[in-house]
Amino acid sequence: MVNTVRRFLAYTALFCAVAALATGCGRKSDLDPPSLAAADKNNRNAKPVAAPKPDKPFFLDPLL
């Protein structure tokens, strides 16, 4: 019985950790700007940038 309780607590802790990590994936903003050296390197291989897509609301957005 003790092993069952420990296993249940371990799975619950693992599930809570995964859930906490997954909530950090929902950051809604632009990417962080690159460092200056990386920006210079990217300017040499620059491709045309597409226009940003309009924001489409998702039906679960009010919950966030």
PDB file of N, CA and C in Angstrom:
ATOM      1  N   MET A   1       0.819  -1.194   0.000  1.00  0.00           N
ATOM      2  CA  MET A   1       0.000   0.000   0.000  1.00  0.00           C
ATOM      3  C   MET A   1       0.862   1.257   0.000  1.00  0.00           C
ATOM      4  N   VAL A   2       1.956   1.227   0.725  1.00  0.00           N
ATOM      5  CA  VAL A   2       2.830   2.391   0.794  1.00  0.00           C
ATOM      6  C   VAL A   2       3.428   2.695  -0.583  1.00  0.00           C
ATOM      7  N   ASN A   3       3.801   1.620  -1.311  1.00  0.00           N
ATOM      8  CA  ASN A   3       4.359   1.811  -2.644  1.00  0.00           C
ATOM      9  C   ASN A   3       3.330   2.412  -3.590  1.00  0.00           C
ATOM     10  N   THR A   4       2.073   2.060  -3.438  1.00  0.00           N
ATOM     11  CA  THR A   4       1.010   2.602  -4.276  1.00  0.00           C
ATOM     12  C   THR A   4       0.848   4.101  -4.024  1.00  0.00           C
ATOM     13  N   VAL A   5       0.876   4.477  -2.768  1.00  0.00           N
ATOM     14  CA  VAL A   5       0.746   5.894  -2.414  1.00  0.00           C
ATOM     15  C   VAL A   5       1.953   6.674  -2.939  1.00  0.00           C
ATOM     16  N   ARG A   6       3.142   6.132  -2.776  1.00  0.00           N
ATOM     17  CA  ARG A   6       4.348   6.812  -3.268  1.00  0.00           C
ATOM     18  C   ARG A   6       4.317   6.946  -4.785  1.00  0.00           C
ATOM     19  N   ARG A   7       3.892   5.880  -5.463  1.00  0.00           N
ATOM     20  CA  ARG A   7       3.809   5.926  -6.925  1.00  0.00           C
ATOM     21  C   ARG A   7       2.786   6.980  -7.360  1.00  0.00           C
ATOM     22  N   PHE A   8       1.636   7.020  -6.682  1.00  0.00           N
ATOM     23  CA  PHE A   8       0.614   8.016  -6.992  1.00  0.00           C
ATOM     24  C   PHE A   8       1.156   9.429  -6.785  1.00  0.00           C
ATOM     25  N   LEU A   9       1.843   9.660  -5.690  1.00  0.00           N
ATOM     26  CA  LEU A   9       2.413  10.986  -5.422  1.00  0.00           C
ATOM     27  C   LEU A   9       3.495  11.344  -6.441  1.00  0.00           C
ATOM     28  N   ALA A  10       4.287  10.360  -6.846  1.00  0.00           N
ATOM     29  CA  ALA A  10       5.331  10.619  -7.842  1.00  0.00           C
ATOM     30  C   ALA A  10       4.708  10.986  -9.176  1.00  0.00           C
ATOM     31  N   TYR A  11       3.680  10.248  -9.604  1.00  0.00           N
ATOM     32  CA  TYR A  11       3.003  10.571 -10.863  1.00  0.00           C
ATOM     33  C   TYR A  11       2.308  11.920 -10.785  1.00  0.00           C
ATOM     34  N   THR A  12       1.715  12.229  -9.647  1.00  0.00           N
ATOM     35  CA  THR A  12       1.051  13.527  -9.485  1.00  0.00           C
ATOM     36  C   THR A  12       2.067  14.662  -9.556  1.00  0.00           C
ATOM     37  N   ALA A  13       3.209  14.494  -8.896  1.00  0.00           N
ATOM     38  CA  ALA A  13       4.248  15.526  -8.945  1.00  0.00           C
ATOM     39  C   ALA A  13       4.787  15.682 -10.363  1.00  0.00           C
ATOM     40  N   LEU A  14       4.982  14.577 -11.063  1.00  0.00           N
ATOM     41  CA  LEU A  14       5.451  14.635 -12.446  1.00  0.00           C
ATOM     42  C   LEU A  14       4.432  15.330 -13.333  1.00  0.00           C
ATOM     43  N   PHE A  15       3.162  15.013 -13.179  1.00  0.00           N
ATOM     44  CA  PHE A  15       2.112  15.661 -13.956  1.00  0.00           C
ATOM     45  C   PHE A  15       2.070  17.162 -13.672  1.00  0.00           C
ATOM     46  N   CYS A  16       2.185  17.551 -12.413  1.00  0.00           N
ATOM     47  CA  CYS A  16       2.163  18.978 -12.053  1.00  0.00           C
ATOM     48  C   CYS A  16       3.377  19.703 -12.625  1.00  0.00           C
ATOM     49  N   ALA A  17       4.531  19.062 -12.636  1.00  0.00           N
ATOM     50  CA  ALA A  17       5.727  19.688 -13.204  1.00  0.00           C
ATOM     51  C   ALA A  17       5.584  19.881 -14.706  1.00  0.00           C
ATOM     52  N   VAL A  18       5.068  18.872 -15.394  1.00  0.00           N
ATOM     53  CA  VAL A  18       4.856  18.991 -16.840  1.00  0.00           C
ATOM     54  C   VAL A  18       3.816  20.068 -17.129  1.00  0.00           C
ATOM     55  N   ALA A  19       2.759  20.126 -16.350  1.00  0.00           N
ATOM     56  CA  ALA A  19       1.725  21.146 -16.543  1.00  0.00           C
ATOM     57  C   ALA A  19       2.292  22.546 -16.307  1.00  0.00           C
ATOM     58  N   ALA A  20       3.138  22.703 -15.303  1.00  0.00           N
ATOM     59  CA  ALA A  20       3.739  24.010 -15.032  1.00  0.00           C
ATOM     60  C   ALA A  20       4.681  24.423 -16.156  1.00  0.00           C
ATOM     61  N   LEU A  21       5.429  23.486 -16.706  1.00  0.00           N
ATOM     62  CA  LEU A  21       6.314  23.796 -17.828  1.00  0.00           C
ATOM     63  C   LEU A  21       5.514  24.125 -19.083  1.00  0.00           C
ATOM     64  N   ALA A  22       4.413  23.448 -19.303  1.00  0.00           N
ATOM     65  CA  ALA A  22       3.607  23.677 -20.498  1.00  0.00           C
ATOM     66  C   ALA A  22       2.928  25.047 -20.454  1.00  0.00           C
ATOM     67  N   THR A  23       2.640  25.563 -19.276  1.00  0.00           N
ATOM     68  CA  THR A  23       1.989  26.871 -19.209  1.00  0.00           C
ATOM     69  C   THR A  23       2.941  27.978 -19.637  1.00  0.00           C
ATOM     70  N   GLY A  24       4.232  27.768 -19.524  1.00  0.00           N
ATOM     71  CA  GLY A  24       5.193  28.769 -19.976  1.00  0.00           C
ATOM     72  C   GLY A  24       5.318  28.837 -21.485  1.00  0.00           C
ATOM     73  N   CYS A  25       4.762  27.879 -22.195  1.00  0.00           N
ATOM     74  CA  CYS A  25       4.860  27.855 -23.656  1.00  0.00           C
ATOM     75  C   CYS A  25       3.866  28.800 -24.308  1.00  0.00           C
ATOM     76  N   GLY A  26       2.969  29.375 -23.560  1.00  0.00           N
ATOM     77  CA  GLY A  26       1.928  30.204 -24.144  1.00  0.00           C
ATOM     78  C   GLY A  26       2.255  31.681 -24.176  1.00  0.00           C
ATOM     79  N   ARG A  27       3.495  32.048 -24.139  1.00  0.00           N
ATOM     80  CA  ARG A  27       3.878  33.453 -24.150  1.00  0.00           C
ATOM     81  C   ARG A  27       3.508  34.079 -25.480  1.00  0.00           C
ATOM     82  N   LYS A  28       2.702  35.123 -25.462  1.00  0.00           N
ATOM     83  CA  LYS A  28       2.216  35.728 -26.695  1.00  0.00           C
ATOM     84  C   LYS A  28       2.914  37.072 -26.881  1.00  0.00           C
ATOM     85  N   SER A  29       3.999  37.052 -27.619  1.00  0.00           N
ATOM     86  CA  SER A  29       4.705  38.278 -27.954  1.00  0.00           C
ATOM     87  C   SER A  29       5.719  37.963 -29.036  1.00  0.00           C
ATOM     88  N   ASP A  30       6.449  38.964 -29.468  1.00  0.00           N
ATOM     89  CA  ASP A  30       7.483  38.751 -30.460  1.00  0.00           C
ATOM     90  C   ASP A  30       8.644  37.987 -29.842  1.00  0.00           C
ATOM     91  N   LEU A  31       9.478  37.428 -30.702  1.00  0.00           N
ATOM     92  CA  LEU A  31      10.664  36.751 -30.217  1.00  0.00           C
ATOM     93  C   LEU A  31      11.638  37.772 -29.648  1.00  0.00           C
ATOM     94  N   ASP A  32      12.491  37.338 -28.773  1.00  0.00           N
ATOM     95  CA  ASP A  32      13.510  38.217 -28.221  1.00  0.00           C
ATOM     96  C   ASP A  32      14.474  38.625 -29.336  1.00  0.00           C
ATOM     97  N   PRO A  33      14.938  39.871 -29.336  1.00  0.00           N
ATOM     98  CA  PRO A  33      15.859  40.288 -30.395  1.00  0.00           C
ATOM     99  C   PRO A  33      17.200  39.567 -30.278  1.00  0.00           C
ATOM    100  N   PRO A  34      17.827  39.252 -31.411  1.00  0.00           N
ATOM    101  CA  PRO A  34      19.120  38.570 -31.351  1.00  0.00           C
ATOM    102  C   PRO A  34      20.222  39.530 -30.911  1.00  0.00           C
ATOM    103  N   SER A  35      21.368  38.970 -30.567  1.00  0.00           N
ATOM    104  CA  SER A  35      22.493  39.808 -30.186  1.00  0.00           C
ATOM    105  C   SER A  35      22.990  40.581 -31.411  1.00  0.00           C
ATOM    106  N   LEU A  36      23.790  41.574 -31.214  1.00  0.00           N
ATOM    107  CA  LEU A  36      24.251  42.418 -32.315  1.00  0.00           C
ATOM    108  C   LEU A  36      25.088  41.624 -33.311  1.00  0.00           C
ATOM    109  N   ALA A  37      25.948  40.735 -32.849  1.00  0.00           N
ATOM    110  CA  ALA A  37      26.779  39.944 -33.756  1.00  0.00           C
ATOM    111  C   ALA A  37      25.912  39.023 -34.616  1.00  0.00           C
ATOM    112  N   ALA A  38      24.912  38.414 -34.022  1.00  0.00           N
ATOM    113  CA  ALA A  38      24.013  37.538 -34.782  1.00  0.00           C
ATOM    114  C   ALA A  38      23.189  38.359 -35.762  1.00  0.00           C
ATOM    115  N   ALA A  39      22.804  39.570 -35.384  1.00  0.00           N
ATOM    116  CA  ALA A  39      22.023  40.423 -36.284  1.00  0.00           C
ATOM    117  C   ALA A  39      22.861  40.809 -37.498  1.00  0.00           C
ATOM    118  N   ASP A  40      24.142  41.104 -37.312  1.00  0.00           N
ATOM    119  CA  ASP A  40      25.011  41.438 -38.444  1.00  0.00           C
ATOM    120  C   ASP A  40      25.181  40.239 -39.373  1.00  0.00           C
ATOM    121  N   LYS A  41      25.319  39.062 -38.803  1.00  0.00           N
ATOM    122  CA  LYS A  41      25.473  37.857 -39.612  1.00  0.00           C
ATOM    123  C   LYS A  41      24.202  37.603 -40.422  1.00  0.00           C
ATOM    124  N   ASN A  42      23.063  37.850 -39.820  1.00  0.00           N
ATOM    125  CA  ASN A  42      21.794  37.614 -40.503  1.00  0.00           C
ATOM    126  C   ASN A  42      21.542  38.649 -41.594  1.00  0.00           C
ATOM    127  N   ASN A  43      22.074  39.849 -41.462  1.00  0.00           N
ATOM    128  CA  ASN A  43      21.864  40.868 -42.489  1.00  0.00           C
ATOM    129  C   ASN A  43      22.540  40.488 -43.793  1.00  0.00           C
ATOM    130  N   ARG A  44      23.624  39.738 -43.730  1.00  0.00           N
ATOM    131  CA  ARG A  44      24.311  39.321 -44.951  1.00  0.00           C
ATOM    132  C   ARG A  44      23.480  38.310 -45.721  1.00  0.00           C
ATOM    133  N   ASN A  45      22.729  37.491 -45.017  1.00  0.00           N
ATOM    134  CA  ASN A  45      21.908  36.460 -45.646  1.00  0.00           C
ATOM    135  C   ASN A  45      20.425  36.819 -45.571  1.00  0.00           C
ATOM    136  N   ALA A  46      20.122  38.103 -45.621  1.00  0.00           N
ATOM    137  CA  ALA A  46      18.753  38.562 -45.398  1.00  0.00           C
ATOM    138  C   ALA A  46      17.837  38.136 -46.544  1.00  0.00           C
ATOM    139  N   LYS A  47      16.652  37.699 -46.146  1.00  0.00           N
ATOM    140  CA  LYS A  47      15.594  37.367 -47.096  1.00  0.00           C
ATOM    141  C   LYS A  47      14.456  38.343 -46.844  1.00  0.00           C
ATOM    142  N   PRO A  48      13.610  38.542 -47.835  1.00  0.00           N
ATOM    143  CA  PRO A  48      12.479  39.446 -47.607  1.00  0.00           C
ATOM    144  C   PRO A  48      11.582  38.937 -46.472  1.00  0.00           C
ATOM    145  N   VAL A  49      11.124  39.851 -45.670  1.00  0.00           N
ATOM    146  CA  VAL A  49      10.301  39.491 -44.514  1.00  0.00           C
ATOM    147  C   VAL A  49       8.836  39.612 -44.906  1.00  0.00           C
ATOM    148  N   ALA A  50       8.067  38.574 -44.610  1.00  0.00           N
ATOM    149  CA  ALA A  50       6.634  38.593 -44.902  1.00  0.00           C
ATOM    150  C   ALA A  50       5.913  39.488 -43.898  1.00  0.00           C
ATOM    151  N   ALA A  51       4.784  40.020 -44.334  1.00  0.00           N
ATOM    152  CA  ALA A  51       3.977  40.865 -43.452  1.00  0.00           C
ATOM    153  C   ALA A  51       3.423  39.995 -42.320  1.00  0.00           C
ATOM    154  N   PRO A  52       3.341  40.553 -41.116  1.00  0.00           N
ATOM    155  CA  PRO A  52       2.825  39.757 -39.996  1.00  0.00           C
ATOM    156  C   PRO A  52       1.360  39.380 -40.222  1.00  0.00           C
ATOM    157  N   LYS A  53       0.999  38.187 -39.770  1.00  0.00           N
ATOM    158  CA  LYS A  53      -0.373  37.716 -39.914  1.00  0.00           C
ATOM    159  C   LYS A  53      -1.251  38.394 -38.869  1.00  0.00           C
ATOM    160  N   PRO A  54      -2.486  38.680 -39.216  1.00  0.00           N
ATOM    161  CA  PRO A  54      -3.384  39.275 -38.208  1.00  0.00           C
ATOM    162  C   PRO A  54      -3.686  38.264 -37.109  1.00  0.00           C
ATOM    163  N   ASP A  55      -3.941  38.787 -35.930  1.00  0.00           N
ATOM    164  CA  ASP A  55      -4.211  37.942 -34.764  1.00  0.00           C
ATOM    165  C   ASP A  55      -5.612  37.353 -34.880  1.00  0.00           C
ATOM    166  N   LYS A  56      -5.698  36.014 -34.884  1.00  0.00           N
ATOM    167  CA  LYS A  56      -6.990  35.338 -34.905  1.00  0.00           C
ATOM    168  C   LYS A  56      -7.299  34.874 -33.492  1.00  0.00           C
ATOM    169  N   PRO A  57      -8.412  35.287 -32.943  1.00  0.00           N
ATOM    170  CA  PRO A  57      -8.740  34.837 -31.588  1.00  0.00           C
ATOM    171  C   PRO A  57      -9.049  33.345 -31.559  1.00  0.00           C
ATOM    172  N   PHE A  58      -8.674  32.706 -30.468  1.00  0.00           N
ATOM    173  CA  PHE A  58      -8.914  31.291 -30.252  1.00  0.00           C
ATOM    174  C   PHE A  58     -10.021  31.173 -29.225  1.00  0.00           C
ATOM    175  N   PHE A  59     -10.878  30.158 -29.343  1.00  0.00           N
ATOM    176  CA  PHE A  59     -12.052  30.098 -28.480  1.00  0.00           C
ATOM    177  C   PHE A  59     -11.719  29.905 -26.998  1.00  0.00           C
ATOM    178  N   LEU A  60     -10.483  29.485 -26.676  1.00  0.00           N
ATOM    179  CA  LEU A  60     -10.100  29.334 -25.276  1.00  0.00           C
ATOM    180  C   LEU A  60      -9.377  30.561 -24.724  1.00  0.00           C
ATOM    181  N   ASP A  61      -9.182  31.612 -25.536  1.00  0.00           N
ATOM    182  CA  ASP A  61      -8.484  32.813 -25.076  1.00  0.00           C
ATOM    183  C   ASP A  61      -9.115  33.449 -23.835  1.00  0.00           C
ATOM    184  N   PRO A  62     -10.432  33.497 -23.711  1.00  0.00           N
ATOM    185  CA  PRO A  62     -10.987  34.103 -22.486  1.00  0.00           C
ATOM    186  C   PRO A  62     -10.573  33.390 -21.211  1.00  0.00           C
ATOM    187  N   LEU A  63     -10.227  32.114 -21.300  1.00  0.00           N
ATOM    188  CA  LEU A  63      -9.798  31.384 -20.101  1.00  0.00           C
ATOM    189  C   LEU A  63      -8.422  31.792 -19.653  1.00  0.00           C
ATOM    190  N   LEU A  64      -7.605  32.296 -20.597  1.00  0.00           N
ATOM    191  CA  LEU A  64      -6.247  32.692 -20.246  1.00  0.00           C
ATOM    192  C   LEU A  64      -6.285  34.066 -19.662  1.00  0.00           C
TER     193      LEU A  64
END
